[in-house]
Amino acid sequence: PEDRPAASAIGELARLLGGAPCAAALVRRALLLQALMQLDLDPTARHVLRMVLDVAANDRLALVVMDGELGGRLAWGWIRRLGLAGFRVPTLLVAAPVADPAEAERAIQRVLDVNNARYRAAFTLRPVPVPPATIYVLESAGGDEWVDELSPSDRPAYVVLHGWLLASSNLAALQKLAQTAAEEREAAETPAWAAAVDGSAGAAAWLDLARSHRVAKDAVAYARLAVDPEQRGHPVQPAAAGGGHGLGQRLGGHCRFRAGRLGTPRGQNRAFHGFGIVPRHRSR
């Protein structure tokens, strides 16, 4: 892919997202092109980067993590059997400015076709109208891909709003953003995260420490759960209905928690509180 001219400023995206991001980064296309030219780049990474550059055809790419109301859910496979499908996880949003929405749709379709051929898959895109916009949500023709284990609102999707292509890890977040745009409820001023990342640097990042602290704690726990307990020799038991909503309360019968704290010489906590999950009863 060739380099492209500069596109719109980040202002429209910033006002649309408002204060939703708990973390954000902005990467210039030129930096991604330099990475693509590295001779020792992993083949899979090279493939992914080519797909990203085909879609993100202008001068910048934004990576945004959103928590709270715009977050997603744990909702697939054995996680459902544990009763954890209602737990909130951050939404990952990839955004790129587009001059022509029709060309962006064609680029997305090219990426889908290439990956269907590469991985012998049958992914398709289903339109979901949110007037005046149309969101396209990922599904499969055969109903037997990983995406089919997710509820429709938890499936990856994309939409073009205010000159930006937004690809989200879940449909529900895009539906809320599209509704915000339709009702013209965008933020009146540019939020702090956008001011921090928008500049001439090849890459810049911003982090809300307090909110990211909570997200990081949950991420540690979910990463521990990424391996199916049945494969580790610990039978899966459904979580009890009702009761507390916290991760510790829901997993209390399966796990115990270990907490740690990092500090500075002045006693100020600068790093997140870490905790892990280990089986309460180990196999002998």
C-alpha atoms as a PDB file:
ATOM      1  CA  PRO A   1       0.000   0.000   0.000  1.00  0.00           C
ATOM      2  CA  GLU A   2       1.142   3.494  -0.858  1.00  0.00           C
ATOM      3  CA  ASP A   3       1.336   6.418   1.507  1.00  0.00           C
ATOM      4  CA  ARG A   4      -1.606   8.801   1.394  1.00  0.00           C
ATOM      5  CA  PRO A   5      -2.149  12.535   1.987  1.00  0.00           C
ATOM      6  CA  ALA A   6      -3.234  13.960   5.322  1.00  0.00           C
ATOM      7  CA  ALA A   7      -6.915  13.666   6.189  1.00  0.00           C
ATOM      8  CA  SER A   8      -9.328  15.226   8.675  1.00  0.00           C
ATOM      9  CA  ALA A   9      -8.267  16.271  12.157  1.00  0.00           C
ATOM     10  CA  ILE A  10      -9.137  14.145  15.141  1.00  0.00           C
ATOM     11  CA  GLY A  11     -11.735  16.661  16.351  1.00  0.00           C
ATOM     12  CA  GLU A  12     -14.801  14.906  14.920  1.00  0.00           C
ATOM     13  CA  LEU A  13     -13.785  11.573  16.410  1.00  0.00           C
ATOM     14  CA  ALA A  14     -12.972  13.185  19.748  1.00  0.00           C
ATOM     15  CA  ARG A  15     -16.342  14.898  20.042  1.00  0.00           C
ATOM     16  CA  LEU A  16     -18.145  11.696  19.081  1.00  0.00           C
ATOM     17  CA  LEU A  17     -16.367   9.578  21.707  1.00  0.00           C
ATOM     18  CA  GLY A  18     -16.286  12.295  24.342  1.00  0.00           C
ATOM     19  CA  GLY A  19     -15.004  11.022  27.674  1.00  0.00           C
ATOM     20  CA  ALA A  20     -15.647   7.334  26.892  1.00  0.00           C
ATOM     21  CA  PRO A  21     -11.975   6.300  26.325  1.00  0.00           C
ATOM     22  CA  CYS A  22      -9.906   5.169  29.305  1.00  0.00           C
ATOM     23  CA  ALA A  23      -6.882   4.747  27.020  1.00  0.00           C
ATOM     24  CA  ALA A  24      -6.054   5.953  23.516  1.00  0.00           C
ATOM     25  CA  ALA A  25      -3.184   5.986  21.037  1.00  0.00           C
ATOM     26  CA  LEU A  26      -2.661   7.639  17.680  1.00  0.00           C
ATOM     27  CA  VAL A  27      -0.260   6.154  15.125  1.00  0.00           C
ATOM     28  CA  ARG A  28       0.777   7.846  11.897  1.00  0.00           C
ATOM     29  CA  ARG A  29       0.473   5.829   8.704  1.00  0.00           C
ATOM     30  CA  ALA A  30       4.109   6.558   7.862  1.00  0.00           C
ATOM     31  CA  LEU A  31       5.184   4.702  11.005  1.00  0.00           C
ATOM     32  CA  LEU A  32       3.077   1.683  10.054  1.00  0.00           C
ATOM     33  CA  LEU A  33       4.628   1.703   6.578  1.00  0.00           C
ATOM     34  CA  GLN A  34       8.093   1.674   8.132  1.00  0.00           C
ATOM     35  CA  ALA A  35       7.121  -1.335  10.231  1.00  0.00           C
ATOM     36  CA  LEU A  36       5.818  -3.109   7.143  1.00  0.00           C
ATOM     37  CA  MET A  37       9.182  -2.690   5.434  1.00  0.00           C
ATOM     38  CA  GLN A  38      11.080  -4.544   8.174  1.00  0.00           C
ATOM     39  CA  LEU A  39      12.632  -7.657   6.642  1.00  0.00           C
ATOM     40  CA  ASP A  40      12.351  -9.731   9.828  1.00  0.00           C
ATOM     41  CA  LEU A  41       8.691  -8.952  10.427  1.00  0.00           C
ATOM     42  CA  ASP A  42       6.636 -12.016  11.382  1.00  0.00           C
ATOM     43  CA  PRO A  43       4.524 -13.233   8.394  1.00  0.00           C
ATOM     44  CA  THR A  44       1.267 -13.097  10.348  1.00  0.00           C
ATOM     45  CA  ALA A  45       2.073  -9.610  11.635  1.00  0.00           C
ATOM     46  CA  ARG A  46       2.897  -8.540   8.069  1.00  0.00           C
ATOM     47  CA  HIS A  47      -0.453  -9.882   6.852  1.00  0.00           C
ATOM     48  CA  VAL A  48      -2.372  -8.073   9.598  1.00  0.00           C
ATOM     49  CA  LEU A  49      -0.482  -4.843   8.960  1.00  0.00           C
ATOM     50  CA  ARG A  50      -1.237  -5.005   5.237  1.00  0.00           C
ATOM     51  CA  MET A  51      -4.927  -5.458   5.976  1.00  0.00           C
ATOM     52  CA  VAL A  52      -4.896  -2.499   8.367  1.00  0.00           C
ATOM     53  CA  LEU A  53      -3.093  -0.273   5.862  1.00  0.00           C
ATOM     54  CA  ASP A  54      -5.537  -1.235   3.115  1.00  0.00           C
ATOM     55  CA  VAL A  55      -8.435   0.011   5.227  1.00  0.00           C
ATOM     56  CA  ALA A  56      -6.685   2.857   7.075  1.00  0.00           C
ATOM     57  CA  ALA A  57      -5.784   4.595   3.842  1.00  0.00           C
ATOM     58  CA  ASN A  58      -5.217   8.106   5.193  1.00  0.00           C
ATOM     59  CA  ASP A  59      -2.610   9.605   7.482  1.00  0.00           C
ATOM     60  CA  ARG A  60      -3.485   8.249  10.933  1.00  0.00           C
ATOM     61  CA  LEU A  61      -4.908   5.351  12.890  1.00  0.00           C
ATOM     62  CA  ALA A  62      -6.459   5.662  16.354  1.00  0.00           C
ATOM     63  CA  LEU A  63      -6.609   2.819  18.886  1.00  0.00           C
ATOM     64  CA  VAL A  64      -9.085   3.420  21.699  1.00  0.00           C
ATOM     65  CA  VAL A  65     -10.086   1.414  24.774  1.00  0.00           C
ATOM     66  CA  MET A  66     -13.511   2.242  26.224  1.00  0.00           C
ATOM     67  CA  ASP A  67     -14.923   1.066  29.548  1.00  0.00           C
ATOM     68  CA  GLY A  68     -18.171   1.732  31.383  1.00  0.00           C
ATOM     69  CA  GLU A  69     -21.344   2.018  29.316  1.00  0.00           C
ATOM     70  CA  LEU A  70     -19.410   1.546  26.082  1.00  0.00           C
ATOM     71  CA  GLY A  71     -17.618  -1.563  27.318  1.00  0.00           C
ATOM     72  CA  GLY A  72     -18.273  -5.102  26.113  1.00  0.00           C
ATOM     73  CA  ARG A  73     -18.993  -8.412  27.832  1.00  0.00           C
ATOM     74  CA  LEU A  74     -17.386 -11.790  28.400  1.00  0.00           C
ATOM     75  CA  ALA A  75     -19.797 -13.936  26.443  1.00  0.00           C
ATOM     76  CA  TRP A  76     -18.402 -17.001  24.705  1.00  0.00           C
ATOM     77  CA  GLY A  77     -17.683 -20.691  25.140  1.00  0.00           C
ATOM     78  CA  TRP A  78     -16.988 -22.054  28.620  1.00  0.00           C
ATOM     79  CA  ILE A  79     -17.188 -18.542  30.063  1.00  0.00           C
ATOM     80  CA  ARG A  80     -20.958 -18.820  29.682  1.00  0.00           C
ATOM     81  CA  ARG A  81     -20.924 -22.130  31.529  1.00  0.00           C
ATOM     82  CA  LEU A  82     -19.144 -20.453  34.446  1.00  0.00           C
ATOM     83  CA  GLY A  83     -21.870 -17.840  34.576  1.00  0.00           C
ATOM     84  CA  LEU A  84     -19.470 -14.991  33.700  1.00  0.00           C
ATOM     85  CA  ALA A  85     -21.192 -13.801  30.524  1.00  0.00           C
ATOM     86  CA  GLY A  86     -22.461 -10.635  32.211  1.00  0.00           C
ATOM     87  CA  PHE A  87     -19.061  -9.299  33.293  1.00  0.00           C
ATOM     88  CA  ARG A  88     -18.018  -6.119  31.558  1.00  0.00           C
ATOM     89  CA  VAL A  89     -14.745  -5.892  29.662  1.00  0.00           C
ATOM     90  CA  PRO A  90     -13.338  -2.913  27.735  1.00  0.00           C
ATOM     91  CA  THR A  91     -14.305  -2.334  24.125  1.00  0.00           C
ATOM     92  CA  LEU A  92     -11.448  -2.042  21.653  1.00  0.00           C
ATOM     93  CA  LEU A  93     -12.096   0.521  18.932  1.00  0.00           C
ATOM     94  CA  VAL A  94      -9.889   1.052  15.878  1.00  0.00           C
ATOM     95  CA  ALA A  95     -10.640   4.274  14.006  1.00  0.00           C
ATOM     96  CA  ALA A  96      -9.337   5.751  10.761  1.00  0.00           C
ATOM     97  CA  PRO A  97     -10.400   8.864   8.835  1.00  0.00           C
ATOM     98  CA  VAL A  98     -12.026   8.156   5.468  1.00  0.00           C
ATOM     99  CA  ALA A  99     -12.714  10.534   2.608  1.00  0.00           C
ATOM    100  CA  ASP A 100     -15.160   8.214   0.835  1.00  0.00           C
ATOM    101  CA  PRO A 101     -17.410   5.883   2.889  1.00  0.00           C
ATOM    102  CA  ALA A 102     -18.078   3.729  -0.198  1.00  0.00           C
ATOM    103  CA  GLU A 103     -14.343   3.145  -0.693  1.00  0.00           C
ATOM    104  CA  ALA A 104     -14.010   2.244   2.998  1.00  0.00           C
ATOM    105  CA  GLU A 105     -16.759  -0.366   2.600  1.00  0.00           C
ATOM    106  CA  ARG A 106     -14.985  -1.826  -0.432  1.00  0.00           C
ATOM    107  CA  ALA A 107     -11.717  -1.988   1.516  1.00  0.00           C
ATOM    108  CA  ILE A 108     -13.416  -3.822   4.395  1.00  0.00           C
ATOM    109  CA  GLN A 109     -14.932  -6.291   1.932  1.00  0.00           C
ATOM    110  CA  ARG A 110     -11.508  -6.891   0.363  1.00  0.00           C
ATOM    111  CA  VAL A 111     -10.046  -7.642   3.781  1.00  0.00           C
ATOM    112  CA  LEU A 112     -12.912 -10.035   4.499  1.00  0.00           C
ATOM    113  CA  ASP A 113     -12.472 -11.846   1.166  1.00  0.00           C
ATOM    114  CA  VAL A 114      -8.706 -12.181   1.604  1.00  0.00           C
ATOM    115  CA  ASN A 115      -9.062 -13.607   5.100  1.00  0.00           C
ATOM    116  CA  ASN A 116     -11.864 -15.974   4.105  1.00  0.00           C
ATOM    117  CA  ALA A 117      -9.580 -17.364   1.416  1.00  0.00           C
ATOM    118  CA  ARG A 118      -6.511 -17.449   3.682  1.00  0.00           C
ATOM    119  CA  TYR A 119      -8.227 -19.211   6.582  1.00  0.00           C
ATOM    120  CA  ARG A 120     -10.917 -21.113   4.621  1.00  0.00           C
ATOM    121  CA  ALA A 121     -13.628 -19.309   6.536  1.00  0.00           C
ATOM    122  CA  ALA A 122     -17.060 -18.012   5.544  1.00  0.00           C
ATOM    123  CA  PHE A 123     -17.398 -14.686   7.334  1.00  0.00           C
ATOM    124  CA  THR A 124     -20.012 -12.249   6.100  1.00  0.00           C
ATOM    125  CA  LEU A 125     -21.248  -8.789   7.071  1.00  0.00           C
ATOM    126  CA  ARG A 126     -24.869  -8.155   8.017  1.00  0.00           C
ATOM    127  CA  PRO A 127     -26.200  -4.578   7.857  1.00  0.00           C
ATOM    128  CA  VAL A 128     -27.840  -3.168  10.980  1.00  0.00           C
ATOM    129  CA  PRO A 129     -29.603   0.168  10.300  1.00  0.00           C
ATOM    130  CA  VAL A 130     -29.247   2.899  12.906  1.00  0.00           C
ATOM    131  CA  PRO A 131     -30.609   5.817  10.830  1.00  0.00           C
ATOM    132  CA  PRO A 132     -29.036   7.675   9.239  1.00  0.00           C
ATOM    133  CA  ALA A 133     -26.039   5.310   9.589  1.00  0.00           C
ATOM    134  CA  THR A 134     -25.690   1.613   8.796  1.00  0.00           C
ATOM    135  CA  ILE A 135     -23.561  -0.638  10.979  1.00  0.00           C
ATOM    136  CA  TYR A 136     -22.117  -3.867   9.563  1.00  0.00           C
ATOM    137  CA  VAL A 137     -21.759  -6.736  12.036  1.00  0.00           C
ATOM    138  CA  LEU A 138     -19.588  -9.811  11.551  1.00  0.00           C
ATOM    139  CA  GLU A 139     -21.192 -13.243  11.281  1.00  0.00           C
ATOM    140  CA  SER A 140     -20.650 -16.419   9.278  1.00  0.00           C
ATOM    141  CA  ALA A 141     -22.544 -18.009   6.420  1.00  0.00           C
ATOM    142  CA  GLY A 142     -22.380 -21.477   7.984  1.00  0.00           C
ATOM    143  CA  GLY A 143     -23.111 -20.491  11.575  1.00  0.00           C
ATOM    144  CA  ASP A 144     -20.156 -22.549  12.788  1.00  0.00           C
ATOM    145  CA  GLU A 145     -17.407 -19.952  13.333  1.00  0.00           C
ATOM    146  CA  TRP A 146     -16.206 -18.532  16.662  1.00  0.00           C
ATOM    147  CA  VAL A 147     -18.261 -15.400  16.101  1.00  0.00           C
ATOM    148  CA  ASP A 148     -21.461 -17.443  16.145  1.00  0.00           C
ATOM    149  CA  GLU A 149     -20.881 -18.257  19.824  1.00  0.00           C
ATOM    150  CA  LEU A 150     -21.390 -14.564  20.624  1.00  0.00           C
ATOM    151  CA  SER A 151     -24.739 -12.846  20.986  1.00  0.00           C
ATOM    152  CA  PRO A 152     -25.416 -10.350  18.147  1.00  0.00           C
ATOM    153  CA  SER A 153     -24.652  -7.334  20.357  1.00  0.00           C
ATOM    154  CA  ASP A 154     -21.246  -8.762  21.351  1.00  0.00           C
ATOM    155  CA  ARG A 155     -19.988  -9.415  17.807  1.00  0.00           C
ATOM    156  CA  PRO A 156     -17.349  -7.259  16.054  1.00  0.00           C
ATOM    157  CA  ALA A 157     -18.777  -4.577  13.777  1.00  0.00           C
ATOM    158  CA  TYR A 158     -17.910  -1.402  11.899  1.00  0.00           C
ATOM    159  CA  VAL A 159     -19.568   1.838  10.862  1.00  0.00           C
ATOM    160  CA  VAL A 160     -18.612   5.146   9.226  1.00  0.00           C
ATOM    161  CA  LEU A 161     -19.550   8.202  11.298  1.00  0.00           C
ATOM    162  CA  HIS A 162     -18.500  11.823  10.851  1.00  0.00           C
ATOM    163  CA  GLY A 163     -15.806  10.894   8.327  1.00  0.00           C
ATOM    164  CA  TRP A 164     -14.264   8.175  10.505  1.00  0.00           C
ATOM    165  CA  LEU A 165     -14.334   4.429   9.987  1.00  0.00           C
ATOM    166  CA  LEU A 166     -14.938   2.837  13.411  1.00  0.00           C
ATOM    167  CA  ALA A 167     -14.219  -0.881  13.846  1.00  0.00           C
ATOM    168  CA  SER A 168     -15.343  -2.120  17.254  1.00  0.00           C
ATOM    169  CA  SER A 169     -14.940  -5.360  19.182  1.00  0.00           C
ATOM    170  CA  ASN A 170     -18.693  -5.312  19.807  1.00  0.00           C
ATOM    171  CA  LEU A 171     -21.810  -4.086  18.036  1.00  0.00           C
ATOM    172  CA  ALA A 172     -23.487  -2.594  21.119  1.00  0.00           C
ATOM    173  CA  ALA A 173     -20.849   0.129  21.516  1.00  0.00           C
ATOM    174  CA  LEU A 174     -21.267   1.226  17.885  1.00  0.00           C
ATOM    175  CA  GLN A 175     -25.042   1.310  18.236  1.00  0.00           C
ATOM    176  CA  LYS A 176     -24.691   3.729  21.154  1.00  0.00           C
ATOM    177  CA  LEU A 177     -22.201   5.887  19.239  1.00  0.00           C
ATOM    178  CA  ALA A 178     -24.430   5.933  16.146  1.00  0.00           C
ATOM    179  CA  GLN A 179     -27.368   6.981  18.299  1.00  0.00           C
ATOM    180  CA  THR A 180     -25.261   9.740  19.835  1.00  0.00           C
ATOM    181  CA  ALA A 181     -24.382  11.003  16.350  1.00  0.00           C
ATOM    182  CA  ALA A 182     -27.983  10.807  15.161  1.00  0.00           C
ATOM    183  CA  GLU A 183     -29.201  12.820  18.141  1.00  0.00           C
ATOM    184  CA  GLU A 184     -26.285  15.284  17.842  1.00  0.00           C
ATOM    185  CA  ARG A 185     -25.229  14.689  21.455  1.00  0.00           C
ATOM    186  CA  GLU A 186     -21.500  14.910  20.763  1.00  0.00           C
ATOM    187  CA  ALA A 187     -19.196  16.563  23.285  1.00  0.00           C
ATOM    188  CA  ALA A 188     -19.035  20.326  22.891  1.00  0.00           C
ATOM    189  CA  GLU A 189     -15.288  20.512  23.543  1.00  0.00           C
ATOM    190  CA  THR A 190     -12.318  18.368  22.604  1.00  0.00           C
ATOM    191  CA  PRO A 191     -11.664  15.944  25.503  1.00  0.00           C
ATOM    192  CA  ALA A 192      -8.283  15.633  27.197  1.00  0.00           C
ATOM    193  CA  TRP A 193      -7.363  12.311  25.586  1.00  0.00           C
ATOM    194  CA  ALA A 194      -7.663  13.742  22.071  1.00  0.00           C
ATOM    195  CA  ALA A 195      -5.600  16.820  22.883  1.00  0.00           C
ATOM    196  CA  ALA A 196      -2.888  14.564  24.306  1.00  0.00           C
ATOM    197  CA  VAL A 197      -2.503  12.253  21.290  1.00  0.00           C
ATOM    198  CA  ASP A 198      -3.127  14.676  18.427  1.00  0.00           C
ATOM    199  CA  GLY A 199       0.177  16.089  17.239  1.00  0.00           C
ATOM    200  CA  SER A 200       3.070  15.647  14.842  1.00  0.00           C
ATOM    201  CA  ALA A 201       4.636  12.654  16.585  1.00  0.00           C
ATOM    202  CA  GLY A 202       4.739   9.305  14.810  1.00  0.00           C
ATOM    203  CA  ALA A 203       2.883   7.767  17.747  1.00  0.00           C
ATOM    204  CA  ALA A 204       1.385   9.113  20.951  1.00  0.00           C
ATOM    205  CA  ALA A 205      -0.609   7.524  23.779  1.00  0.00           C
ATOM    206  CA  TRP A 206      -2.828   8.700  26.636  1.00  0.00           C
ATOM    207  CA  LEU A 207      -3.984   6.826  29.738  1.00  0.00           C
ATOM    208  CA  ASP A 208      -6.529   7.596  32.443  1.00  0.00           C
ATOM    209  CA  LEU A 209      -4.670   6.088  35.409  1.00  0.00           C
ATOM    210  CA  ALA A 210      -7.638   5.640  37.732  1.00  0.00           C
ATOM    211  CA  ARG A 211      -9.901   3.973  35.180  1.00  0.00           C
ATOM    212  CA  SER A 212      -7.090   1.956  33.618  1.00  0.00           C
ATOM    213  CA  HIS A 213      -6.215   0.711  37.105  1.00  0.00           C
ATOM    214  CA  ARG A 214      -9.611  -0.982  37.350  1.00  0.00           C
ATOM    215  CA  VAL A 215      -9.428  -2.300  33.795  1.00  0.00           C
ATOM    216  CA  ALA A 216      -5.957  -3.745  34.376  1.00  0.00           C
ATOM    217  CA  LYS A 217      -7.035  -5.544  37.542  1.00  0.00           C
ATOM    218  CA  ASP A 218      -9.886  -7.232  35.712  1.00  0.00           C
ATOM    219  CA  ALA A 219      -7.646  -8.035  32.744  1.00  0.00           C
ATOM    220  CA  VAL A 220      -5.283  -9.983  35.020  1.00  0.00           C
ATOM    221  CA  ALA A 221      -8.193 -12.042  36.293  1.00  0.00           C
ATOM    222  CA  TYR A 222      -9.637 -12.691  32.854  1.00  0.00           C
ATOM    223  CA  ALA A 223      -6.231 -13.686  31.492  1.00  0.00           C
ATOM    224  CA  ARG A 224      -5.996 -16.314  34.235  1.00  0.00           C
ATOM    225  CA  LEU A 225      -9.347 -17.616  33.063  1.00  0.00           C
ATOM    226  CA  ALA A 226      -8.314 -17.754  29.412  1.00  0.00           C
ATOM    227  CA  VAL A 227      -7.399 -21.435  29.712  1.00  0.00           C
ATOM    228  CA  ASP A 228     -10.464 -23.678  29.998  1.00  0.00           C
ATOM    229  CA  PRO A 229     -10.548 -25.040  33.584  1.00  0.00           C
ATOM    230  CA  GLU A 230     -11.572 -28.455  32.210  1.00  0.00           C
ATOM    231  CA  GLN A 231      -8.289 -28.586  30.303  1.00  0.00           C
ATOM    232  CA  ARG A 232      -6.404 -27.822  33.550  1.00  0.00           C
ATOM    233  CA  GLY A 233      -8.100 -30.703  35.341  1.00  0.00           C
ATOM    234  CA  HIS A 234     -10.529 -28.521  37.323  1.00  0.00           C
ATOM    235  CA  PRO A 235     -14.187 -29.260  36.517  1.00  0.00           C
ATOM    236  CA  VAL A 236     -16.379 -26.337  35.518  1.00  0.00           C
ATOM    237  CA  GLN A 237     -19.166 -25.482  37.956  1.00  0.00           C
ATOM    238  CA  PRO A 238     -21.836 -22.912  37.044  1.00  0.00           C
ATOM    239  CA  ALA A 239     -21.821 -19.784  39.177  1.00  0.00           C
ATOM    240  CA  ALA A 240     -24.755 -19.394  41.512  1.00  0.00           C
ATOM    241  CA  ALA A 241     -27.602 -17.294  40.208  1.00  0.00           C
ATOM    242  CA  GLY A 242     -28.095 -13.900  41.806  1.00  0.00           C
ATOM    243  CA  GLY A 243     -25.954 -12.734  44.703  1.00  0.00           C
ATOM    244  CA  GLY A 244     -23.005 -10.404  44.329  1.00  0.00           C
ATOM    245  CA  HIS A 245     -21.900  -9.019  41.010  1.00  0.00           C
ATOM    246  CA  GLY A 246     -18.165  -8.770  41.747  1.00  0.00           C
ATOM    247  CA  LEU A 247     -15.669 -11.050  40.069  1.00  0.00           C
ATOM    248  CA  GLY A 248     -14.446 -12.319  43.422  1.00  0.00           C
ATOM    249  CA  GLN A 249     -17.940 -13.130  44.623  1.00  0.00           C
ATOM    250  CA  ARG A 250     -18.870 -14.951  41.429  1.00  0.00           C
ATOM    251  CA  LEU A 251     -15.657 -17.003  41.412  1.00  0.00           C
ATOM    252  CA  GLY A 252     -15.320 -17.514  45.133  1.00  0.00           C
ATOM    253  CA  GLY A 253     -16.165 -21.204  44.890  1.00  0.00           C
ATOM    254  CA  HIS A 254     -13.517 -21.826  42.251  1.00  0.00           C
ATOM    255  CA  CYS A 255     -10.633 -19.527  43.060  1.00  0.00           C
ATOM    256  CA  ARG A 256      -8.795 -17.593  45.703  1.00  0.00           C
ATOM    257  CA  PHE A 257      -7.300 -14.153  45.191  1.00  0.00           C
ATOM    258  CA  ARG A 258      -3.842 -12.811  45.861  1.00  0.00           C
ATOM    259  CA  ALA A 259      -3.384  -9.070  46.100  1.00  0.00           C
ATOM    260  CA  GLY A 260      -0.243  -7.010  45.771  1.00  0.00           C
ATOM    261  CA  ARG A 261       0.685  -3.332  45.753  1.00  0.00           C
ATOM    262  CA  LEU A 262       3.477  -1.345  44.192  1.00  0.00           C
ATOM    263  CA  GLY A 263       4.535   2.035  45.567  1.00  0.00           C
ATOM    264  CA  THR A 264       7.031   4.841  45.357  1.00  0.00           C
ATOM    265  CA  PRO A 265       9.499   6.082  48.017  1.00  0.00           C
ATOM    266  CA  ARG A 266       6.911   8.691  49.050  1.00  0.00           C
ATOM    267  CA  GLY A 267       4.292   6.024  49.498  1.00  0.00           C
ATOM    268  CA  GLN A 268       2.246   7.109  46.501  1.00  0.00           C
ATOM    269  CA  ASN A 269       0.780   4.293  44.464  1.00  0.00           C
ATOM    270  CA  ARG A 270       1.785   4.668  40.850  1.00  0.00           C
ATOM    271  CA  ALA A 271       1.145   1.148  39.607  1.00  0.00           C
ATOM    272  CA  PHE A 272      -2.092  -0.778  39.611  1.00  0.00           C
ATOM    273  CA  HIS A 273      -2.985  -3.238  42.323  1.00  0.00           C
ATOM    274  CA  GLY A 274      -2.328  -6.660  40.873  1.00  0.00           C
ATOM    275  CA  PHE A 275      -4.233  -9.771  41.669  1.00  0.00           C
ATOM    276  CA  GLY A 276      -4.335 -13.232  40.265  1.00  0.00           C
ATOM    277  CA  ILE A 277      -6.572 -16.232  40.345  1.00  0.00           C
ATOM    278  CA  VAL A 278      -5.362 -19.688  41.278  1.00  0.00           C
ATOM    279  CA  PRO A 279      -7.386 -22.880  41.827  1.00  0.00           C
ATOM    280  CA  ARG A 280      -8.652 -23.186  45.371  1.00  0.00           C
ATOM    281  CA  HIS A 281      -8.172 -26.950  45.304  1.00  0.00           C
ATOM    282  CA  ARG A 282      -5.215 -28.320  43.406  1.00  0.00           C
ATOM    283  CA  SER A 283      -5.186 -31.805  41.931  1.00  0.00           C
ATOM    284  CA  ARG A 284      -2.909 -34.243  43.715  1.00  0.00           C
END
